């Protein structure tokens, strides 16, 4: 054995479990406050302003083409968009890269129907204090941030669906 006694092992395990619970707790949270407004160029070439979607439930997803979990999550976001679009809901994908050419290339491989916005100056990312890729913020019909989720692992889309359904019903 590596010279670790049972007491030391148990203490280390307790710290590890506590840390994992803390990290997991930080991945998803309810949040409050008005969603910062922004205007960004969309993949269609037009400017899109978040506040123009007041009255809808909006799922903002900050992503990058180099982010593996972002690539995995994108088709699930498209499914959520298709399922709830008729209920006053939209997904907005916000690419955070200064050079949007790689994002545009990725979207050829993973096409989506929801608006893709290019935050080349990172102004929206800073306003939302994005610190992880991907970061998802769900906004209610009144323009208030309600849910925040950092990162993506398989199954997280089920949580998004629960949150979206709850806000659509309000």
Protein backbone atom coordinates (compact mmCIF):
# COMPACT_ATOMS: atom_id res chain seq x y z
CA UNK A 1 0.00 0.00 0.00
CA UNK A 2 1.20 3.53 -0.58
CA UNK A 3 1.65 4.37 3.07
CA UNK A 4 -1.83 5.84 3.43
CA UNK A 5 -3.69 4.75 6.54
CA UNK A 6 -7.46 4.33 6.67
CA UNK A 7 -7.95 7.57 8.58
CA UNK A 8 -6.00 9.61 6.02
CA UNK A 9 -7.80 7.86 3.16
CA UNK A 10 -11.22 8.55 4.72
CA UNK A 11 -10.37 12.22 5.28
CA UNK A 12 -9.16 12.58 1.70
CA UNK A 13 -12.27 10.87 0.37
CA UNK A 14 -14.50 13.18 2.42
CA UNK A 15 -12.72 16.24 0.99
CA UNK A 16 -13.05 14.85 -2.53
CA UNK A 17 -16.78 14.17 -2.15
CA UNK A 18 -17.37 17.61 -0.61
CA UNK A 19 -15.49 19.25 -3.47
CA UNK A 20 -17.47 17.28 -6.06
CA UNK A 21 -20.74 18.32 -4.42
CA UNK A 22 -19.63 21.94 -4.32
CA UNK A 23 -18.63 21.91 -8.00
CA UNK A 24 -21.85 20.14 -9.00
CA UNK A 25 -23.86 22.68 -7.04
CA UNK A 26 -22.20 25.51 -8.94
CA UNK A 27 -22.96 24.04 -12.37
CA UNK A 28 -26.67 24.79 -12.20
CA UNK A 29 -28.38 27.48 -10.21
CA UNK A 30 -31.40 29.71 -10.06
CA UNK A 31 -30.44 33.33 -10.68
CA UNK A 32 -32.18 36.66 -10.39
CA UNK A 33 -32.01 40.04 -12.06
CA UNK A 34 -32.72 41.60 -15.41
CA UNK A 35 -30.95 39.97 -18.32
CA UNK A 36 -28.40 42.41 -19.73
CA UNK A 37 -29.56 43.58 -23.15
CA UNK A 38 -27.26 43.38 -26.16
CA UNK A 39 -27.28 43.72 -29.92
CA UNK A 40 -25.11 41.36 -31.96
CA UNK A 41 -24.69 40.47 -35.62
CA UNK A 42 -26.44 37.19 -36.46
CA UNK A 43 -25.45 34.46 -38.90
CA UNK A 44 -28.11 35.86 -41.27
CA UNK A 45 -26.14 39.12 -41.38
CA UNK A 46 -28.76 41.12 -39.48
CA UNK A 47 -28.34 42.66 -36.04
CA UNK A 48 -30.42 40.99 -33.37
CA UNK A 49 -31.33 42.64 -30.07
CA UNK A 50 -32.19 40.46 -27.07
CA UNK A 51 -34.88 42.84 -25.79
CA UNK A 52 -36.79 42.35 -29.06
CA UNK A 53 -37.63 38.89 -27.71
CA UNK A 54 -39.32 40.21 -24.55
CA UNK A 55 -42.49 38.17 -24.08
CA UNK A 56 -40.70 34.95 -25.02
CA UNK A 57 -38.74 32.49 -22.92
CA UNK A 58 -35.15 32.66 -24.21
CA UNK A 59 -32.37 30.14 -23.74
CA UNK A 60 -29.04 31.93 -24.28
CA UNK A 61 -26.21 29.54 -24.96
CA UNK A 62 -22.65 30.92 -25.01
CA UNK A 63 -20.38 28.58 -26.99
CA UNK A 64 -17.16 28.25 -28.98
CA UNK A 65 -16.21 26.03 -31.93
CA UNK A 66 -13.16 24.67 -30.09
CA UNK A 67 -15.35 23.48 -27.19
CA UNK A 68 -16.11 19.73 -27.40
CA UNK A 69 -19.08 19.84 -24.99
CA UNK A 70 -20.53 22.76 -27.01
CA UNK A 71 -20.47 20.61 -30.16
CA UNK A 72 -22.22 17.76 -28.35
CA UNK A 73 -24.85 20.04 -26.85
CA UNK A 74 -25.79 21.91 -30.05
CA UNK A 75 -28.06 19.17 -31.56
CA UNK A 76 -29.96 18.92 -28.24
CA UNK A 77 -30.51 22.67 -28.22
CA UNK A 78 -31.94 22.34 -31.73
CA UNK A 79 -34.34 19.64 -30.49
CA UNK A 80 -35.49 21.88 -27.63
CA UNK A 81 -35.96 24.76 -30.09
CA UNK A 82 -38.09 22.58 -32.38
CA UNK A 83 -40.18 21.22 -29.51
CA UNK A 84 -41.05 24.53 -27.80
CA UNK A 85 -40.84 27.20 -30.56
CA UNK A 86 -44.64 27.27 -30.94
CA UNK A 87 -45.02 28.14 -27.23
CA UNK A 88 -43.18 31.47 -27.24
CA UNK A 89 -39.66 30.08 -26.82
CA UNK A 90 -36.39 30.53 -28.65
CA UNK A 91 -32.79 29.46 -28.33
CA UNK A 92 -30.08 31.99 -29.14
CA UNK A 93 -26.58 30.66 -29.65
CA UNK A 94 -23.90 33.24 -28.83
CA UNK A 95 -20.51 32.39 -30.28
CA UNK A 96 -17.74 34.00 -28.20
CA UNK A 97 -14.82 33.79 -30.64
CA UNK A 98 -13.16 36.94 -32.03
CA UNK A 99 -12.91 35.25 -35.44
CA UNK A 100 -16.31 33.81 -36.35
CA UNK A 101 -15.07 31.84 -39.38
CA UNK A 102 -14.53 28.64 -37.36
CA UNK A 103 -18.00 28.94 -35.87
CA UNK A 104 -19.52 29.31 -39.33
CA UNK A 105 -17.62 26.22 -40.48
CA UNK A 106 -18.86 24.23 -37.48
CA UNK A 107 -22.45 25.26 -38.22
CA UNK A 108 -22.14 23.66 -41.66
CA UNK A 109 -21.44 20.34 -39.87
CA UNK A 110 -24.01 20.93 -37.11
CA UNK A 111 -26.78 23.03 -38.67
CA UNK A 112 -29.36 24.71 -36.44
CA UNK A 113 -32.48 26.76 -37.11
CA UNK A 114 -32.22 29.05 -34.09
CA UNK A 115 -30.37 32.39 -34.30
CA UNK A 116 -26.60 32.30 -33.99
CA UNK A 117 -25.04 35.55 -32.80
CA UNK A 118 -21.38 36.53 -32.99
CA UNK A 119 -19.95 38.19 -29.88
CA UNK A 120 -16.58 39.01 -31.49
CA UNK A 121 -15.80 41.75 -28.95
CA UNK A 122 -17.00 39.61 -26.00
CA UNK A 123 -19.30 42.41 -24.82
CA UNK A 124 -22.28 40.10 -24.17
CA UNK A 125 -20.03 37.44 -22.64
CA UNK A 126 -18.65 40.01 -20.20
CA UNK A 127 -22.13 41.33 -19.36
CA UNK A 128 -23.18 37.77 -18.44
CA UNK A 129 -19.86 37.02 -16.68
CA UNK A 130 -19.30 33.92 -18.81
CA UNK A 131 -16.51 31.89 -17.24
CA UNK A 132 -17.10 28.40 -18.67
CA UNK A 133 -17.91 26.88 -22.05
CA UNK A 134 -20.69 26.37 -22.69
CA UNK A 135 -22.72 28.64 -20.42
CA UNK A 136 -26.51 28.61 -20.63
CA UNK A 137 -28.80 31.30 -19.22
CA UNK A 138 -32.58 30.92 -19.37
CA UNK A 139 -34.59 34.14 -19.36
CA UNK A 140 -38.30 34.46 -18.56
CA UNK A 141 -40.93 36.37 -20.57
CA UNK A 142 -40.33 39.53 -18.49
CA UNK A 143 -36.62 39.62 -19.36
CA UNK A 144 -35.40 38.25 -16.02
CA UNK A 145 -32.59 35.73 -15.75
CA UNK A 146 -33.95 32.66 -14.01
CA UNK A 147 -31.53 29.78 -14.53
CA UNK A 148 -27.80 29.50 -15.09
CA UNK A 149 -25.92 26.37 -16.13
CA UNK A 150 -22.17 26.14 -16.71
CA UNK A 151 -20.65 23.35 -18.80
CA UNK A 152 -22.41 20.45 -20.45
CA UNK A 153 -22.58 16.74 -19.83
CA UNK A 154 -24.91 14.21 -21.38
CA UNK A 155 -28.36 14.50 -19.80
CA UNK A 156 -28.18 18.23 -18.99
CA UNK A 157 -30.67 18.87 -21.78
CA UNK A 158 -33.37 17.19 -19.64
CA UNK A 159 -32.81 19.88 -17.00
CA UNK A 160 -33.06 22.60 -19.66
CA UNK A 161 -36.40 21.13 -20.81
CA UNK A 162 -37.75 21.18 -17.22
CA UNK A 163 -36.76 24.81 -16.77
CA UNK A 164 -38.16 25.86 -20.15
CA UNK A 165 -41.48 24.08 -19.54
CA UNK A 166 -41.78 25.74 -16.13
CA UNK A 167 -41.19 29.22 -17.59
CA UNK A 168 -43.50 28.66 -20.56
CA UNK A 169 -46.32 27.78 -18.15
CA UNK A 170 -45.85 30.94 -16.06
